[in-house]
Amino acid sequence: MSSLSNKIIVYLDRTPDFQKDVLLQDDGDGVVYIKEWNVDEAQPTEEQLNALESQADDLETANQVISNRKKEYPSIEECVHAILDDDL
């Protein structure tokens, strides 16, 4: 099941600032909802967001793949440092 944030990213076709543009809240019961919607696009309904479940799942999978790859390879900074240290 996709997170609400990923459904919103798919809905907007971009990542909003989740600190000021779209505020999500969980009141401790495990149900996350949109507390504030401060973007130009109309706030989606729950049905609209649920219709994006498959695309949001794909986004989560892609993000996990990227995260795993970052763990497997050195960062750009580490590569540059190695190149400079080895006079390559």
N, C-alpha and C. Protein backbone atom coordinates (compact mmCIF):
# COMPACT_ATOMS: atom_id res chain seq x y z
N MET A 1 0.85 -1.18 0.00
CA MET A 1 0.00 0.00 0.00
C MET A 1 0.89 1.24 0.00
N SER A 2 0.60 2.14 -0.88
CA SER A 2 1.41 3.34 -1.05
C SER A 2 1.16 4.35 0.05
N SER A 3 2.19 5.14 0.32
CA SER A 3 2.03 6.20 1.30
C SER A 3 1.26 7.36 0.68
N LEU A 4 0.61 8.12 1.52
CA LEU A 4 -0.15 9.28 1.06
C LEU A 4 0.78 10.27 0.37
N SER A 5 1.97 10.45 0.88
CA SER A 5 2.90 11.41 0.27
C SER A 5 3.23 11.01 -1.16
N ASN A 6 3.43 9.72 -1.43
CA ASN A 6 3.74 9.30 -2.79
C ASN A 6 2.54 9.45 -3.71
N LYS A 7 1.34 9.24 -3.20
CA LYS A 7 0.15 9.46 -4.02
C LYS A 7 0.04 10.94 -4.39
N ILE A 8 0.38 11.82 -3.46
CA ILE A 8 0.33 13.25 -3.72
C ILE A 8 1.39 13.64 -4.75
N ILE A 9 2.58 13.05 -4.64
CA ILE A 9 3.63 13.32 -5.62
C ILE A 9 3.18 12.91 -7.02
N VAL A 10 2.55 11.76 -7.12
CA VAL A 10 2.05 11.30 -8.42
C VAL A 10 0.93 12.22 -8.90
N TYR A 11 0.03 12.59 -8.02
CA TYR A 11 -1.09 13.47 -8.37
C TYR A 11 -0.59 14.81 -8.92
N LEU A 12 0.39 15.41 -8.23
CA LEU A 12 0.91 16.71 -8.64
C LEU A 12 1.95 16.62 -9.76
N ASP A 13 2.49 15.43 -9.98
CA ASP A 13 3.57 15.21 -10.94
C ASP A 13 4.82 16.00 -10.55
N ARG A 14 5.01 16.18 -9.26
CA ARG A 14 6.19 16.83 -8.69
C ARG A 14 6.15 16.59 -7.18
N THR A 15 7.26 16.85 -6.53
CA THR A 15 7.32 16.71 -5.07
C THR A 15 7.09 18.08 -4.43
N PRO A 16 6.00 18.22 -3.70
CA PRO A 16 5.76 19.50 -3.04
C PRO A 16 6.61 19.61 -1.77
N ASP A 17 6.68 20.78 -1.21
CA ASP A 17 7.33 20.97 0.08
C ASP A 17 6.34 20.49 1.14
N PHE A 18 6.67 19.36 1.76
CA PHE A 18 5.75 18.78 2.75
C PHE A 18 5.84 19.48 4.10
N GLN A 19 6.62 20.57 4.16
CA GLN A 19 6.69 21.37 5.39
C GLN A 19 5.79 22.60 5.31
N LYS A 20 5.51 23.06 4.07
CA LYS A 20 4.67 24.26 3.96
C LYS A 20 3.59 24.16 2.90
N ASP A 21 3.83 23.46 1.79
CA ASP A 21 2.82 23.39 0.72
C ASP A 21 1.71 22.38 1.01
N VAL A 22 2.11 21.19 1.41
CA VAL A 22 1.15 20.14 1.74
C VAL A 22 1.55 19.56 3.09
N LEU A 23 0.71 19.79 4.08
CA LEU A 23 1.00 19.29 5.42
C LEU A 23 0.18 18.04 5.69
N LEU A 24 0.87 16.98 6.03
CA LEU A 24 0.21 15.72 6.37
C LEU A 24 0.22 15.56 7.88
N GLN A 25 -0.80 14.86 8.39
CA GLN A 25 -0.87 14.67 9.83
C GLN A 25 -1.37 13.27 10.16
N ASP A 26 -0.84 12.76 11.24
CA ASP A 26 -1.27 11.49 11.83
C ASP A 26 -1.56 11.79 13.29
N ASP A 27 -2.80 11.61 13.70
CA ASP A 27 -3.20 11.92 15.07
C ASP A 27 -2.89 10.81 16.05
N GLY A 28 -2.00 9.90 15.64
CA GLY A 28 -1.60 8.82 16.53
C GLY A 28 -2.38 7.54 16.32
N ASP A 29 -3.36 7.58 15.42
CA ASP A 29 -4.15 6.39 15.16
C ASP A 29 -3.70 5.65 13.90
N GLY A 30 -2.59 6.14 13.30
CA GLY A 30 -2.06 5.49 12.11
C GLY A 30 -2.71 5.94 10.81
N VAL A 31 -3.70 6.82 10.91
CA VAL A 31 -4.38 7.32 9.72
C VAL A 31 -3.76 8.67 9.36
N VAL A 32 -3.09 8.71 8.21
CA VAL A 32 -2.46 9.94 7.75
C VAL A 32 -3.43 10.65 6.81
N TYR A 33 -3.56 11.95 7.01
CA TYR A 33 -4.48 12.73 6.17
C TYR A 33 -3.85 14.08 5.84
N ILE A 34 -4.46 14.75 4.87
CA ILE A 34 -3.99 16.08 4.47
C ILE A 34 -4.56 17.09 5.45
N LYS A 35 -3.67 17.74 6.19
CA LYS A 35 -4.10 18.76 7.15
C LYS A 35 -4.25 20.12 6.46
N GLU A 36 -3.26 20.46 5.61
CA GLU A 36 -3.29 21.72 4.87
C GLU A 36 -2.89 21.48 3.44
N TRP A 37 -3.53 22.18 2.53
CA TRP A 37 -3.23 22.08 1.10
C TRP A 37 -2.99 23.50 0.60
N ASN A 38 -1.73 23.85 0.38
CA ASN A 38 -1.36 25.21 0.00
C ASN A 38 -0.67 25.25 -1.36
N VAL A 39 -1.20 24.52 -2.32
CA VAL A 39 -0.68 24.54 -3.68
C VAL A 39 -1.80 24.99 -4.61
N ASP A 40 -1.42 25.42 -5.82
CA ASP A 40 -2.41 25.95 -6.77
C ASP A 40 -3.38 24.90 -7.27
N GLU A 41 -2.91 23.67 -7.42
CA GLU A 41 -3.77 22.60 -7.92
C GLU A 41 -4.87 22.29 -6.90
N ALA A 42 -6.01 21.86 -7.39
CA ALA A 42 -7.12 21.51 -6.51
C ALA A 42 -6.74 20.33 -5.62
N GLN A 43 -7.19 20.37 -4.39
CA GLN A 43 -6.90 19.26 -3.47
C GLN A 43 -7.63 18.01 -3.96
N PRO A 44 -6.91 16.91 -4.07
CA PRO A 44 -7.54 15.68 -4.57
C PRO A 44 -8.47 15.06 -3.53
N THR A 45 -9.44 14.34 -4.04
CA THR A 45 -10.32 13.59 -3.15
C THR A 45 -9.63 12.28 -2.79
N GLU A 46 -10.15 11.62 -1.80
CA GLU A 46 -9.60 10.31 -1.41
C GLU A 46 -9.71 9.33 -2.56
N GLU A 47 -10.80 9.40 -3.31
CA GLU A 47 -11.00 8.51 -4.45
C GLU A 47 -9.95 8.77 -5.53
N GLN A 48 -9.65 10.05 -5.79
CA GLN A 48 -8.62 10.37 -6.78
C GLN A 48 -7.26 9.83 -6.35
N LEU A 49 -6.95 9.98 -5.08
CA LEU A 49 -5.66 9.48 -4.58
C LEU A 49 -5.61 7.97 -4.61
N ASN A 50 -6.70 7.31 -4.27
CA ASN A 50 -6.73 5.85 -4.29
C ASN A 50 -6.57 5.31 -5.71
N ALA A 51 -7.04 6.07 -6.70
CA ALA A 51 -6.90 5.66 -8.09
C ALA A 51 -5.43 5.68 -8.54
N LEU A 52 -4.59 6.38 -7.79
CA LEU A 52 -3.17 6.49 -8.13
C LEU A 52 -2.31 5.47 -7.39
N GLU A 53 -2.93 4.52 -6.73
CA GLU A 53 -2.22 3.52 -5.91
C GLU A 53 -1.13 2.81 -6.69
N SER A 54 -1.45 2.35 -7.89
CA SER A 54 -0.48 1.58 -8.67
C SER A 54 0.72 2.44 -9.06
N GLN A 55 0.47 3.67 -9.49
CA GLN A 55 1.57 4.57 -9.87
C GLN A 55 2.41 4.94 -8.64
N ALA A 56 1.77 5.13 -7.51
CA ALA A 56 2.50 5.44 -6.28
C ALA A 56 3.33 4.24 -5.83
N ASP A 57 2.81 3.03 -6.01
CA ASP A 57 3.59 1.82 -5.71
C ASP A 57 4.85 1.76 -6.58
N ASP A 58 4.69 2.10 -7.86
CA ASP A 58 5.83 2.11 -8.78
C ASP A 58 6.86 3.15 -8.33
N LEU A 59 6.40 4.30 -7.88
CA LEU A 59 7.30 5.35 -7.40
C LEU A 59 8.06 4.87 -6.16
N GLU A 60 7.37 4.22 -5.25
CA GLU A 60 8.02 3.70 -4.05
C GLU A 60 9.07 2.65 -4.40
N THR A 61 8.75 1.79 -5.36
CA THR A 61 9.69 0.77 -5.80
C THR A 61 10.93 1.42 -6.42
N ALA A 62 10.71 2.42 -7.27
CA ALA A 62 11.83 3.12 -7.90
C ALA A 62 12.70 3.82 -6.87
N ASN A 63 12.06 4.43 -5.88
CA ASN A 63 12.82 5.11 -4.82
C ASN A 63 13.64 4.11 -4.01
N GLN A 64 13.10 2.92 -3.80
CA GLN A 64 13.83 1.90 -3.06
C GLN A 64 15.03 1.41 -3.86
N VAL A 65 14.85 1.25 -5.16
CA VAL A 65 15.96 0.84 -6.02
C VAL A 65 17.07 1.88 -5.98
N ILE A 66 16.70 3.15 -6.08
CA ILE A 66 17.69 4.23 -6.02
C ILE A 66 18.41 4.23 -4.69
N SER A 67 17.66 4.06 -3.61
CA SER A 67 18.27 4.02 -2.27
C SER A 67 19.27 2.88 -2.15
N ASN A 68 18.89 1.70 -2.67
CA ASN A 68 19.78 0.54 -2.61
C ASN A 68 21.04 0.78 -3.44
N ARG A 69 20.89 1.39 -4.61
CA ARG A 69 22.04 1.67 -5.47
C ARG A 69 22.99 2.65 -4.80
N LYS A 70 22.44 3.65 -4.13
CA LYS A 70 23.30 4.63 -3.44
C LYS A 70 24.14 3.96 -2.36
N LYS A 71 23.59 2.93 -1.73
CA LYS A 71 24.34 2.21 -0.70
C LYS A 71 25.45 1.36 -1.31
N GLU A 72 25.25 0.91 -2.55
CA GLU A 72 26.20 0.00 -3.21
C GLU A 72 27.39 0.73 -3.83
N TYR A 73 27.24 1.99 -4.15
CA TYR A 73 28.28 2.74 -4.84
C TYR A 73 28.69 3.95 -4.02
N PRO A 74 29.94 4.40 -4.21
CA PRO A 74 30.39 5.59 -3.49
C PRO A 74 29.68 6.84 -4.03
N SER A 75 29.64 7.86 -3.19
CA SER A 75 29.01 9.11 -3.60
C SER A 75 29.91 9.83 -4.60
N ILE A 76 29.35 10.82 -5.27
CA ILE A 76 30.13 11.65 -6.20
C ILE A 76 31.30 12.29 -5.46
N GLU A 77 31.04 12.77 -4.25
CA GLU A 77 32.09 13.42 -3.47
C GLU A 77 33.24 12.44 -3.18
N GLU A 78 32.90 11.21 -2.84
CA GLU A 78 33.93 10.21 -2.58
C GLU A 78 34.73 9.89 -3.85
N CYS A 79 34.05 9.85 -4.98
CA CYS A 79 34.73 9.59 -6.25
C CYS A 79 35.69 10.71 -6.59
N VAL A 80 35.22 11.95 -6.46
CA VAL A 80 36.08 13.10 -6.75
C VAL A 80 37.28 13.12 -5.81
N HIS A 81 37.02 12.84 -4.55
CA HIS A 81 38.11 12.82 -3.56
C HIS A 81 39.13 11.76 -3.94
N ALA A 82 38.67 10.59 -4.33
CA ALA A 82 39.57 9.50 -4.72
C ALA A 82 40.38 9.89 -5.96
N ILE A 83 39.73 10.51 -6.91
CA ILE A 83 40.42 10.93 -8.14
C ILE A 83 41.51 11.94 -7.81
N LEU A 84 41.17 12.92 -6.98
CA LEU A 84 42.14 13.94 -6.64
C LEU A 84 43.28 13.39 -5.79
N ASP A 85 42.96 12.49 -4.86
CA ASP A 85 44.00 11.90 -4.02
C ASP A 85 44.95 11.02 -4.80
N ASP A 86 44.43 10.37 -5.84
CA ASP A 86 45.26 9.47 -6.64
C ASP A 86 45.84 10.14 -7.86
N ASP A 87 45.67 11.46 -7.98
CA ASP A 87 46.19 12.24 -9.12
C ASP A 87 45.74 11.66 -10.46
N LEU A 88 44.48 11.28 -10.56
CA LEU A 88 43.95 10.73 -11.82
C LEU A 88 43.38 11.83 -12.68
